[in-house]
Amino acid sequence: MPAAYQLPIAVILNDRGGSAPEVLGASLKENKRATIVGRTSFGCLGATIPTHMTDNSELAVTVQEFTGAVTGAKYNNNGIPPDVPADDRSAVDTATKLLLDKIATGSRPP
């Protein structure tokens, strides 16, 4: 798409969000397409296979871990660190200010 449509993106994460939000956040962060605002995410970026035990319990074994496509960073059990730290209460306001500042200065993603 033309540069006029490449607006800045902010993704808000915290330590309670895992899996799909982390995959989206990591993908955009790795490609320098978004700024992560908030707190380090939960760190659930892997695939597991459940094994059913004879006592009816279940053991889930991680068989695949997702890593950063560009940097090779290991996010599983580590989470996605924020570019701009913010607590839950201030994350939306922080992200909004960040985006408005980037738009005002004409800052566009690469």
PDB file of N, CA and C in Angstrom:
ATOM      1  N   MET A   1       0.834  -1.178   0.000  1.00  0.00           N
ATOM      2  CA  MET A   1       0.000   0.000   0.000  1.00  0.00           C
ATOM      3  C   MET A   1       0.881   1.244   0.000  1.00  0.00           C
ATOM      4  N   PRO A   2       0.367   2.322  -0.540  1.00  0.00           N
ATOM      5  CA  PRO A   2       1.133   3.566  -0.548  1.00  0.00           C
ATOM      6  C   PRO A   2       1.451   4.042   0.871  1.00  0.00           C
ATOM      7  N   ALA A   3       2.487   4.837   0.986  1.00  0.00           N
ATOM      8  CA  ALA A   3       2.949   5.322   2.287  1.00  0.00           C
ATOM      9  C   ALA A   3       1.860   6.058   3.059  1.00  0.00           C
ATOM     10  N   ALA A   4       0.963   6.722   2.364  1.00  0.00           N
ATOM     11  CA  ALA A   4      -0.109   7.465   3.043  1.00  0.00           C
ATOM     12  C   ALA A   4      -0.977   6.561   3.902  1.00  0.00           C
ATOM     13  N   TYR A   5      -1.007   5.276   3.595  1.00  0.00           N
ATOM     14  CA  TYR A   5      -1.835   4.332   4.345  1.00  0.00           C
ATOM     15  C   TYR A   5      -1.057   3.587   5.427  1.00  0.00           C
ATOM     16  N   GLN A   6       0.200   3.835   5.558  1.00  0.00           N
ATOM     17  CA  GLN A   6       1.050   3.146   6.531  1.00  0.00           C
ATOM     18  C   GLN A   6       1.102   3.923   7.835  1.00  0.00           C
ATOM     19  N   LEU A   7      -0.010   3.969   8.537  1.00  0.00           N
ATOM     20  CA  LEU A   7      -0.073   4.683   9.800  1.00  0.00           C
ATOM     21  C   LEU A   7       0.622   3.892  10.898  1.00  0.00           C
ATOM     22  N   PRO A   8       1.086   4.565  11.943  1.00  0.00           N
ATOM     23  CA  PRO A   8       1.729   3.855  13.052  1.00  0.00           C
ATOM     24  C   PRO A   8       0.713   2.987  13.796  1.00  0.00           C
ATOM     25  N   ILE A   9       1.205   1.914  14.380  1.00  0.00           N
ATOM     26  CA  ILE A   9       0.375   0.969  15.125  1.00  0.00           C
ATOM     27  C   ILE A   9       0.972   0.808  16.518  1.00  0.00           C
ATOM     28  N   ALA A  10       0.096   0.726  17.508  1.00  0.00           N
ATOM     29  CA  ALA A  10       0.513   0.390  18.867  1.00  0.00           C
ATOM     30  C   ALA A  10      -0.267  -0.850  19.286  1.00  0.00           C
ATOM     31  N   VAL A  11       0.432  -1.787  19.904  1.00  0.00           N
ATOM     32  CA  VAL A  11      -0.204  -2.988  20.447  1.00  0.00           C
ATOM     33  C   VAL A  11      -0.019  -2.944  21.959  1.00  0.00           C
ATOM     34  N   ILE A  12      -1.120  -3.081  22.686  1.00  0.00           N
ATOM     35  CA  ILE A  12      -1.059  -3.061  24.143  1.00  0.00           C
ATOM     36  C   ILE A  12      -1.052  -4.501  24.648  1.00  0.00           C
ATOM     37  N   LEU A  13      -0.016  -4.842  25.422  1.00  0.00           N
ATOM     38  CA  LEU A  13       0.099  -6.172  26.025  1.00  0.00           C
ATOM     39  C   LEU A  13       0.291  -6.022  27.527  1.00  0.00           C
ATOM     40  N   ASN A  14      -0.061  -7.081  28.255  1.00  0.00           N
ATOM     41  CA  ASN A  14       0.245  -7.129  29.687  1.00  0.00           C
ATOM     42  C   ASN A  14       0.606  -8.568  30.052  1.00  0.00           C
ATOM     43  N   ASP A  15       0.819  -8.808  31.334  1.00  0.00           N
ATOM     44  CA  ASP A  15       1.284 -10.120  31.778  1.00  0.00           C
ATOM     45  C   ASP A  15       0.165 -11.155  31.895  1.00  0.00           C
ATOM     46  N   ARG A  16      -1.023 -10.828  31.437  1.00  0.00           N
ATOM     47  CA  ARG A  16      -2.130 -11.775  31.484  1.00  0.00           C
ATOM     48  C   ARG A  16      -2.566 -12.232  30.100  1.00  0.00           C
ATOM     49  N   GLY A  17      -1.984 -11.661  29.056  1.00  0.00           N
ATOM     50  CA  GLY A  17      -2.353 -12.045  27.696  1.00  0.00           C
ATOM     51  C   GLY A  17      -1.307 -12.964  27.107  1.00  0.00           C
ATOM     52  N   GLY A  18      -1.741 -14.095  26.594  1.00  0.00           N
ATOM     53  CA  GLY A  18      -0.792 -15.020  25.993  1.00  0.00           C
ATOM     54  C   GLY A  18      -1.308 -15.568  24.680  1.00  0.00           C
ATOM     55  N   SER A  19      -0.455 -16.275  23.986  1.00  0.00           N
ATOM     56  CA  SER A  19      -0.788 -16.976  22.761  1.00  0.00           C
ATOM     57  C   SER A  19      -1.058 -16.006  21.608  1.00  0.00           C
ATOM     58  N   ALA A  20      -2.281 -15.955  21.098  1.00  0.00           N
ATOM     59  CA  ALA A  20      -2.577 -15.172  19.888  1.00  0.00           C
ATOM     60  C   ALA A  20      -2.183 -13.696  19.995  1.00  0.00           C
ATOM     61  N   PRO A  21      -2.500 -12.987  21.091  1.00  0.00           N
ATOM     62  CA  PRO A  21      -2.052 -11.588  21.166  1.00  0.00           C
ATOM     63  C   PRO A  21      -0.527 -11.465  21.110  1.00  0.00           C
ATOM     64  N   GLU A  22       0.149 -12.441  21.665  1.00  0.00           N
ATOM     65  CA  GLU A  22       1.617 -12.411  21.647  1.00  0.00           C
ATOM     66  C   GLU A  22       2.158 -12.669  20.244  1.00  0.00           C
ATOM     67  N   VAL A  23       1.532 -13.568  19.513  1.00  0.00           N
ATOM     68  CA  VAL A  23       1.975 -13.848  18.142  1.00  0.00           C
ATOM     69  C   VAL A  23       1.817 -12.588  17.294  1.00  0.00           C
ATOM     70  N   LEU A  24       0.666 -11.924  17.416  1.00  0.00           N
ATOM     71  CA  LEU A  24       0.444 -10.678  16.676  1.00  0.00           C
ATOM     72  C   LEU A  24       1.466  -9.623  17.084  1.00  0.00           C
ATOM     73  N   GLY A  25       1.621  -9.407  18.394  1.00  0.00           N
ATOM     74  CA  GLY A  25       2.560  -8.405  18.881  1.00  0.00           C
ATOM     75  C   GLY A  25       3.993  -8.688  18.447  1.00  0.00           C
ATOM     76  N   ALA A  26       4.414  -9.941  18.567  1.00  0.00           N
ATOM     77  CA  ALA A  26       5.782 -10.308  18.181  1.00  0.00           C
ATOM     78  C   ALA A  26       6.005 -10.105  16.682  1.00  0.00           C
ATOM     79  N   SER A  27       5.027 -10.490  15.884  1.00  0.00           N
ATOM     80  CA  SER A  27       5.158 -10.342  14.433  1.00  0.00           C
ATOM     81  C   SER A  27       5.312  -8.882  14.032  1.00  0.00           C
ATOM     82  N   LEU A  28       4.455  -8.034  14.599  1.00  0.00           N
ATOM     83  CA  LEU A  28       4.530  -6.611  14.267  1.00  0.00           C
ATOM     84  C   LEU A  28       5.801  -5.972  14.819  1.00  0.00           C
ATOM     85  N   LYS A  29       6.204  -6.357  16.024  1.00  0.00           N
ATOM     86  CA  LYS A  29       7.430  -5.813  16.628  1.00  0.00           C
ATOM     87  C   LYS A  29       8.660  -6.241  15.822  1.00  0.00           C
ATOM     88  N   GLU A  30       8.719  -7.529  15.495  1.00  0.00           N
ATOM     89  CA  GLU A  30       9.874  -8.059  14.749  1.00  0.00           C
ATOM     90  C   GLU A  30      10.072  -7.341  13.412  1.00  0.00           C
ATOM     91  N   ASN A  31       8.971  -6.950  12.799  1.00  0.00           N
ATOM     92  CA  ASN A  31       9.042  -6.294  11.491  1.00  0.00           C
ATOM     93  C   ASN A  31       9.021  -4.774  11.594  1.00  0.00           C
ATOM     94  N   LYS A  32       9.233  -4.273  12.819  1.00  0.00           N
ATOM     95  CA  LYS A  32       9.281  -2.830  13.079  1.00  0.00           C
ATOM     96  C   LYS A  32       8.035  -2.130  12.547  1.00  0.00           C
ATOM     97  N   ARG A  33       6.903  -2.805  12.703  1.00  0.00           N
ATOM     98  CA  ARG A  33       5.642  -2.257  12.199  1.00  0.00           C
ATOM     99  C   ARG A  33       4.760  -1.714  13.323  1.00  0.00           C
ATOM    100  N   ALA A  34       5.069  -2.059  14.575  1.00  0.00           N
ATOM    101  CA  ALA A  34       4.262  -1.580  15.694  1.00  0.00           C
ATOM    102  C   ALA A  34       5.137  -1.341  16.912  1.00  0.00           C
ATOM    103  N   THR A  35       4.631  -0.507  17.785  1.00  0.00           N
ATOM    104  CA  THR A  35       5.249  -0.255  19.073  1.00  0.00           C
ATOM    105  C   THR A  35       4.441  -1.001  20.123  1.00  0.00           C
ATOM    106  N   ILE A  36       5.114  -1.779  20.958  1.00  0.00           N
ATOM    107  CA  ILE A  36       4.445  -2.524  22.025  1.00  0.00           C
ATOM    108  C   ILE A  36       4.403  -1.637  23.268  1.00  0.00           C
ATOM    109  N   VAL A  37       3.197  -1.445  23.798  1.00  0.00           N
ATOM    110  CA  VAL A  37       2.980  -0.607  24.975  1.00  0.00           C
ATOM    111  C   VAL A  37       2.411  -1.489  26.082  1.00  0.00           C
ATOM    112  N   GLY A  38       2.877  -1.304  27.302  1.00  0.00           N
ATOM    113  CA  GLY A  38       2.318  -2.031  28.434  1.00  0.00           C
ATOM    114  C   GLY A  38       3.370  -2.731  29.254  1.00  0.00           C
ATOM    115  N   ARG A  39       3.116  -4.011  29.519  1.00  0.00           N
ATOM    116  CA  ARG A  39       4.033  -4.819  30.326  1.00  0.00           C
ATOM    117  C   ARG A  39       4.407  -6.069  29.551  1.00  0.00           C
ATOM    118  N   THR A  40       5.468  -6.724  29.970  1.00  0.00           N
ATOM    119  CA  THR A  40       5.893  -7.958  29.314  1.00  0.00           C
ATOM    120  C   THR A  40       4.759  -8.970  29.342  1.00  0.00           C
ATOM    121  N   SER A  41       4.478  -9.553  28.192  1.00  0.00           N
ATOM    122  CA  SER A  41       3.360 -10.489  28.080  1.00  0.00           C
ATOM    123  C   SER A  41       3.663 -11.804  28.796  1.00  0.00           C
ATOM    124  N   PHE A  42       2.682 -12.668  28.828  1.00  0.00           N
ATOM    125  CA  PHE A  42       2.731 -13.912  29.597  1.00  0.00           C
ATOM    126  C   PHE A  42       3.847 -14.868  29.158  1.00  0.00           C
ATOM    127  N   GLY A  43       4.091 -14.982  27.874  1.00  0.00           N
ATOM    128  CA  GLY A  43       5.152 -15.862  27.383  1.00  0.00           C
ATOM    129  C   GLY A  43       4.665 -17.233  26.972  1.00  0.00           C
ATOM    130  N   CYS A  44       3.490 -17.293  26.390  1.00  0.00           N
ATOM    131  CA  CYS A  44       2.904 -18.564  25.960  1.00  0.00           C
ATOM    132  C   CYS A  44       2.952 -18.633  24.437  1.00  0.00           C
ATOM    133  N   LEU A  45       4.153 -18.835  23.913  1.00  0.00           N
ATOM    134  CA  LEU A  45       4.350 -18.868  22.467  1.00  0.00           C
ATOM    135  C   LEU A  45       4.955 -20.199  22.054  1.00  0.00           C
ATOM    136  N   GLY A  46       4.200 -21.234  22.250  1.00  0.00           N
ATOM    137  CA  GLY A  46       4.653 -22.565  21.884  1.00  0.00           C
ATOM    138  C   GLY A  46       3.463 -23.461  21.654  1.00  0.00           C
ATOM    139  N   ALA A  47       3.732 -24.648  21.203  1.00  0.00           N
ATOM    140  CA  ALA A  47       2.676 -25.635  20.995  1.00  0.00           C
ATOM    141  C   ALA A  47       2.961 -26.835  21.888  1.00  0.00           C
ATOM    142  N   THR A  48       1.914 -27.360  22.482  1.00  0.00           N
ATOM    143  CA  THR A  48       2.071 -28.504  23.370  1.00  0.00           C
ATOM    144  C   THR A  48       1.263 -29.686  22.868  1.00  0.00           C
ATOM    145  N   ILE A  49       1.677 -30.858  23.294  1.00  0.00           N
ATOM    146  CA  ILE A  49       0.916 -32.082  23.043  1.00  0.00           C
ATOM    147  C   ILE A  49       0.553 -32.656  24.404  1.00  0.00           C
ATOM    148  N   PRO A  50      -0.757 -32.822  24.637  1.00  0.00           N
ATOM    149  CA  PRO A  50      -1.165 -33.396  25.923  1.00  0.00           C
ATOM    150  C   PRO A  50      -0.982 -34.914  25.930  1.00  0.00           C
ATOM    151  N   THR A  51      -0.533 -35.432  27.053  1.00  0.00           N
ATOM    152  CA  THR A  51      -0.421 -36.870  27.263  1.00  0.00           C
ATOM    153  C   THR A  51      -1.337 -37.227  28.427  1.00  0.00           C
ATOM    154  N   HIS A  52      -2.286 -38.098  28.169  1.00  0.00           N
ATOM    155  CA  HIS A  52      -3.232 -38.509  29.198  1.00  0.00           C
ATOM    156  C   HIS A  52      -2.613 -39.648  30.006  1.00  0.00           C
ATOM    157  N   MET A  53      -2.541 -39.457  31.317  1.00  0.00           N
ATOM    158  CA  MET A  53      -1.915 -40.423  32.207  1.00  0.00           C
ATOM    159  C   MET A  53      -2.953 -41.430  32.710  1.00  0.00           C
ATOM    160  N   THR A  54      -2.489 -42.539  33.207  1.00  0.00           N
ATOM    161  CA  THR A  54      -3.398 -43.602  33.665  1.00  0.00           C
ATOM    162  C   THR A  54      -4.225 -43.207  34.876  1.00  0.00           C
ATOM    163  N   ASP A  55      -3.789 -42.194  35.633  1.00  0.00           N
ATOM    164  CA  ASP A  55      -4.560 -41.750  36.805  1.00  0.00           C
ATOM    165  C   ASP A  55      -5.531 -40.616  36.450  1.00  0.00           C
ATOM    166  N   ASN A  56      -5.790 -40.446  35.158  1.00  0.00           N
ATOM    167  CA  ASN A  56      -6.678 -39.411  34.617  1.00  0.00           C
ATOM    168  C   ASN A  56      -6.096 -37.997  34.683  1.00  0.00           C
ATOM    169  N   SER A  57      -4.848 -37.859  35.030  1.00  0.00           N
ATOM    170  CA  SER A  57      -4.209 -36.550  34.968  1.00  0.00           C
ATOM    171  C   SER A  57      -3.704 -36.348  33.536  1.00  0.00           C
ATOM    172  N   GLU A  58      -3.198 -35.171  33.280  1.00  0.00           N
ATOM    173  CA  GLU A  58      -2.713 -34.862  31.941  1.00  0.00           C
ATOM    174  C   GLU A  58      -1.387 -34.134  32.056  1.00  0.00           C
ATOM    175  N   LEU A  59      -0.470 -34.474  31.211  1.00  0.00           N
ATOM    176  CA  LEU A  59       0.843 -33.837  31.152  1.00  0.00           C
ATOM    177  C   LEU A  59       0.976 -33.203  29.774  1.00  0.00           C
ATOM    178  N   ALA A  60       1.206 -31.897  29.733  1.00  0.00           N
ATOM    179  CA  ALA A  60       1.379 -31.199  28.462  1.00  0.00           C
ATOM    180  C   ALA A  60       2.862 -30.934  28.255  1.00  0.00           C
ATOM    181  N   VAL A  61       3.389 -31.413  27.153  1.00  0.00           N
ATOM    182  CA  VAL A  61       4.806 -31.268  26.839  1.00  0.00           C
ATOM    183  C   VAL A  61       4.954 -30.301  25.672  1.00  0.00           C
ATOM    184  N   THR A  62       5.796 -29.290  25.837  1.00  0.00           N
ATOM    185  CA  THR A  62       6.043 -28.338  24.766  1.00  0.00           C
ATOM    186  C   THR A  62       6.857 -29.025  23.678  1.00  0.00           C
ATOM    187  N   VAL A  63       6.320 -28.980  22.469  1.00  0.00           N
ATOM    188  CA  VAL A  63       6.991 -29.633  21.341  1.00  0.00           C
ATOM    189  C   VAL A  63       7.440 -28.630  20.287  1.00  0.00           C
ATOM    190  N   GLN A  64       7.004 -27.392  20.445  1.00  0.00           N
ATOM    191  CA  GLN A  64       7.359 -26.372  19.460  1.00  0.00           C
ATOM    192  C   GLN A  64       7.373 -25.018  20.152  1.00  0.00           C
ATOM    193  N   GLU A  65       8.392 -24.229  19.887  1.00  0.00           N
ATOM    194  CA  GLU A  65       8.467 -22.884  20.430  1.00  0.00           C
ATOM    195  C   GLU A  65       8.586 -21.894  19.280  1.00  0.00           C
ATOM    196  N   PHE A  66       7.822 -20.815  19.365  1.00  0.00           N
ATOM    197  CA  PHE A  66       7.892 -19.785  18.343  1.00  0.00           C
ATOM    198  C   PHE A  66       9.005 -18.815  18.707  1.00  0.00           C
ATOM    199  N   THR A  67       9.813 -18.476  17.720  1.00  0.00           N
ATOM    200  CA  THR A  67      10.892 -17.513  17.920  1.00  0.00           C
ATOM    201  C   THR A  67      10.683 -16.348  16.963  1.00  0.00           C
ATOM    202  N   GLY A  68      11.357 -15.252  17.245  1.00  0.00           N
ATOM    203  CA  GLY A  68      11.249 -14.084  16.376  1.00  0.00           C
ATOM    204  C   GLY A  68      11.765 -14.394  14.987  1.00  0.00           C
ATOM    205  N   ALA A  69      10.953 -14.113  13.987  1.00  0.00           N
ATOM    206  CA  ALA A  69      11.310 -14.413  12.599  1.00  0.00           C
ATOM    207  C   ALA A  69      12.497 -13.591  12.117  1.00  0.00           C
ATOM    208  N   VAL A  70      12.637 -12.390  12.634  1.00  0.00           N
ATOM    209  CA  VAL A  70      13.719 -11.507  12.196  1.00  0.00           C
ATOM    210  C   VAL A  70      14.917 -11.602  13.142  1.00  0.00           C
ATOM    211  N   THR A  71      14.651 -11.535  14.446  1.00  0.00           N
ATOM    212  CA  THR A  71      15.744 -11.483  15.422  1.00  0.00           C
ATOM    213  C   THR A  71      16.125 -12.837  15.992  1.00  0.00           C
ATOM    214  N   GLY A  72      15.244 -13.816  15.863  1.00  0.00           N
ATOM    215  CA  GLY A  72      15.498 -15.119  16.467  1.00  0.00           C
ATOM    216  C   GLY A  72      15.274 -15.136  17.967  1.00  0.00           C
ATOM    217  N   ALA A  73      14.689 -14.053  18.504  1.00  0.00           N
ATOM    218  CA  ALA A  73      14.440 -13.964  19.944  1.00  0.00           C
ATOM    219  C   ALA A  73      13.517 -15.089  20.395  1.00  0.00           C
ATOM    220  N   LYS A  74      13.790 -15.621  21.569  1.00  0.00           N
ATOM    221  CA  LYS A  74      12.958 -16.679  22.147  1.00  0.00           C
ATOM    222  C   LYS A  74      11.934 -16.031  23.072  1.00  0.00           C
ATOM    223  N   TYR A  75      10.672 -16.071  22.647  1.00  0.00           N
ATOM    224  CA  TYR A  75       9.608 -15.426  23.407  1.00  0.00           C
ATOM    225  C   TYR A  75       8.862 -16.388  24.317  1.00  0.00           C
ATOM    226  N   ASN A  76       8.890 -17.681  24.017  1.00  0.00           N
ATOM    227  CA  ASN A  76       8.174 -18.643  24.859  1.00  0.00           C
ATOM    228  C   ASN A  76       8.795 -18.657  26.249  1.00  0.00           C
ATOM    229  N   ASN A  77       7.976 -18.573  27.264  1.00  0.00           N
ATOM    230  CA  ASN A  77       8.376 -18.487  28.677  1.00  0.00           C
ATOM    231  C   ASN A  77       9.095 -17.179  29.022  1.00  0.00           C
ATOM    232  N   ASN A  78       9.274 -16.297  28.057  1.00  0.00           N
ATOM    233  CA  ASN A  78       9.908 -15.001  28.308  1.00  0.00           C
ATOM    234  C   ASN A  78       8.949 -13.847  28.103  1.00  0.00           C
ATOM    235  N   GLY A  79       8.031 -13.980  27.166  1.00  0.00           N
ATOM    236  CA  GLY A  79       7.083 -12.922  26.846  1.00  0.00           C
ATOM    237  C   GLY A  79       7.650 -11.900  25.886  1.00  0.00           C
ATOM    238  N   ILE A  80       6.777 -11.001  25.482  1.00  0.00           N
ATOM    239  CA  ILE A  80       7.154  -9.914  24.576  1.00  0.00           C
ATOM    240  C   ILE A  80       7.394  -8.680  25.444  1.00  0.00           C
ATOM    241  N   PRO A  81       8.621  -8.172  25.487  1.00  0.00           N
ATOM    242  CA  PRO A  81       8.873  -6.983  26.307  1.00  0.00           C
ATOM    243  C   PRO A  81       8.307  -5.734  25.630  1.00  0.00           C
ATOM    244  N   PRO A  82       7.789  -4.794  26.399  1.00  0.00           N
ATOM    245  CA  PRO A  82       7.237  -3.580  25.789  1.00  0.00           C
ATOM    246  C   PRO A  82       8.344  -2.640  25.314  1.00  0.00           C
ATOM    247  N   ASP A  83       8.030  -1.883  24.270  1.00  0.00           N
ATOM    248  CA  ASP A  83       8.918  -0.802  23.835  1.00  0.00           C
ATOM    249  C   ASP A  83       8.701   0.418  24.724  1.00  0.00           C
ATOM    250  N   VAL A  84       7.452   0.577  25.167  1.00  0.00           N
ATOM    251  CA  VAL A  84       7.074   1.686  26.041  1.00  0.00           C
ATOM    252  C   VAL A  84       6.340   1.093  27.238  1.00  0.00           C
ATOM    253  N   PRO A  85       6.984   1.037  28.406  1.00  0.00           N
ATOM    254  CA  PRO A  85       6.320   0.462  29.581  1.00  0.00           C
ATOM    255  C   PRO A  85       5.130   1.313  30.040  1.00  0.00           C
ATOM    256  N   ALA A  86       4.079   0.628  30.471  1.00  0.00           N
ATOM    257  CA  ALA A  86       2.899   1.300  31.025  1.00  0.00           C
ATOM    258  C   ALA A  86       2.120   0.278  31.839  1.00  0.00           C
ATOM    259  N   ASP A  87       1.484   0.748  32.907  1.00  0.00           N
ATOM    260  CA  ASP A  87       0.636  -0.163  33.677  1.00  0.00           C
ATOM    261  C   ASP A  87      -0.729  -0.263  32.985  1.00  0.00           C
ATOM    262  N   ASP A  88      -1.559  -1.169  33.464  1.00  0.00           N
ATOM    263  CA  ASP A  88      -2.857  -1.393  32.828  1.00  0.00           C
ATOM    264  C   ASP A  88      -3.708  -0.128  32.784  1.00  0.00           C
ATOM    265  N   ARG A  89      -3.654   0.638  33.828  1.00  0.00           N
ATOM    266  CA  ARG A  89      -4.497   1.829  33.930  1.00  0.00           C
ATOM    267  C   ARG A  89      -4.117   2.897  32.908  1.00  0.00           C
ATOM    268  N   SER A  90      -2.833   3.010  32.605  1.00  0.00           N
ATOM    269  CA  SER A  90      -2.374   4.093  31.730  1.00  0.00           C
ATOM    270  C   SER A  90      -2.026   3.638  30.313  1.00  0.00           C
ATOM    271  N   ALA A  91      -2.119   2.354  30.016  1.00  0.00           N
ATOM    272  CA  ALA A  91      -1.651   1.834  28.724  1.00  0.00           C
ATOM    273  C   ALA A  91      -2.379   2.442  27.530  1.00  0.00           C
ATOM    274  N   VAL A  92      -3.697   2.565  27.610  1.00  0.00           N
ATOM    275  CA  VAL A  92      -4.446   3.122  26.469  1.00  0.00           C
ATOM    276  C   VAL A  92      -4.075   4.590  26.249  1.00  0.00           C
ATOM    277  N   ASP A  93      -4.005   5.362  27.327  1.00  0.00           N
ATOM    278  CA  ASP A  93      -3.625   6.773  27.191  1.00  0.00           C
ATOM    279  C   ASP A  93      -2.196   6.902  26.668  1.00  0.00           C
ATOM    280  N   THR A  94      -1.303   6.054  27.153  1.00  0.00           N
ATOM    281  CA  THR A  94       0.094   6.078  26.702  1.00  0.00           C
ATOM    282  C   THR A  94       0.181   5.752  25.218  1.00  0.00           C
ATOM    283  N   ALA A  95      -0.532   4.710  24.785  1.00  0.00           N
ATOM    284  CA  ALA A  95      -0.512   4.316  23.371  1.00  0.00           C
ATOM    285  C   ALA A  95      -1.128   5.400  22.491  1.00  0.00           C
ATOM    286  N   THR A  96      -2.221   6.000  22.961  1.00  0.00           N
ATOM    287  CA  THR A  96      -2.880   7.065  22.193  1.00  0.00           C
ATOM    288  C   THR A  96      -1.950   8.251  22.001  1.00  0.00           C
ATOM    289  N   LYS A  97      -1.294   8.675  23.074  1.00  0.00           N
ATOM    290  CA  LYS A  97      -0.356   9.795  22.979  1.00  0.00           C
ATOM    291  C   LYS A  97       0.792   9.461  22.033  1.00  0.00           C
ATOM    292  N   LEU A  98       1.323   8.253  22.149  1.00  0.00           N
ATOM    293  CA  LEU A  98       2.410   7.816  21.278  1.00  0.00           C
ATOM    294  C   LEU A  98       2.003   7.908  19.808  1.00  0.00           C
ATOM    295  N   LEU A  99       0.820   7.396  19.482  1.00  0.00           N
ATOM    296  CA  LEU A  99       0.356   7.401  18.095  1.00  0.00           C
ATOM    297  C   LEU A  99       0.096   8.819  17.593  1.00  0.00           C
ATOM    298  N   LEU A 100      -0.539   9.641  18.415  1.00  0.00           N
ATOM    299  CA  LEU A 100      -0.796  11.022  18.009  1.00  0.00           C
ATOM    300  C   LEU A 100       0.508  11.786  17.784  1.00  0.00           C
ATOM    301  N   ASP A 101       1.507  11.550  18.649  1.00  0.00           N
ATOM    302  CA  ASP A 101       2.818  12.189  18.477  1.00  0.00           C
ATOM    303  C   ASP A 101       3.476  11.739  17.176  1.00  0.00           C
ATOM    304  N   LYS A 102       3.384  10.448  16.866  1.00  0.00           N
ATOM    305  CA  LYS A 102       3.999   9.942  15.628  1.00  0.00           C
ATOM    306  C   LYS A 102       3.304  10.507  14.397  1.00  0.00           C
ATOM    307  N   ILE A 103       1.987  10.624  14.463  1.00  0.00           N
ATOM    308  CA  ILE A 103       1.243  11.193  13.330  1.00  0.00           C
ATOM    309  C   ILE A 103       1.594  12.671  13.159  1.00  0.00           C
ATOM    310  N   ALA A 104       1.668  13.395  14.288  1.00  0.00           N
ATOM    311  CA  ALA A 104       1.962  14.839  14.238  1.00  0.00           C
ATOM    312  C   ALA A 104       3.357  15.113  13.663  1.00  0.00           C
ATOM    313  N   THR A 105       4.315  14.219  13.951  1.00  0.00           N
ATOM    314  CA  THR A 105       5.681  14.439  13.467  1.00  0.00           C
ATOM    315  C   THR A 105       5.905  13.790  12.105  1.00  0.00           C
ATOM    316  N   GLY A 106       4.873  13.148  11.579  1.00  0.00           N
ATOM    317  CA  GLY A 106       5.004  12.526  10.258  1.00  0.00           C
ATOM    318  C   GLY A 106       5.809  11.243  10.302  1.00  0.00           C
ATOM    319  N   SER A 107       5.979  10.665  11.466  1.00  0.00           N
ATOM    320  CA  SER A 107       6.726   9.415  11.604  1.00  0.00           C
ATOM    321  C   SER A 107       5.931   8.257  11.019  1.00  0.00           C
ATOM    322  N   ARG A 108       6.490   7.605  10.039  1.00  0.00           N
ATOM    323  CA  ARG A 108       5.840   6.471   9.387  1.00  0.00           C
ATOM    324  C   ARG A 108       6.729   5.242   9.527  1.00  0.00           C
ATOM    325  N   PRO A 109       6.127   4.066   9.531  1.00  0.00           N
ATOM    326  CA  PRO A 109       6.935   2.835   9.575  1.00  0.00           C
ATOM    327  C   PRO A 109       7.809   2.731   8.320  1.00  0.00           C
ATOM    328  N   PRO A 110       8.888   1.972   8.408  1.00  0.00           N
ATOM    329  CA  PRO A 110       9.772   1.826   7.233  1.00  0.00           C
ATOM    330  C   PRO A 110       9.065   1.150   6.085  1.00  0.00           C
TER     331      PRO A 110
END
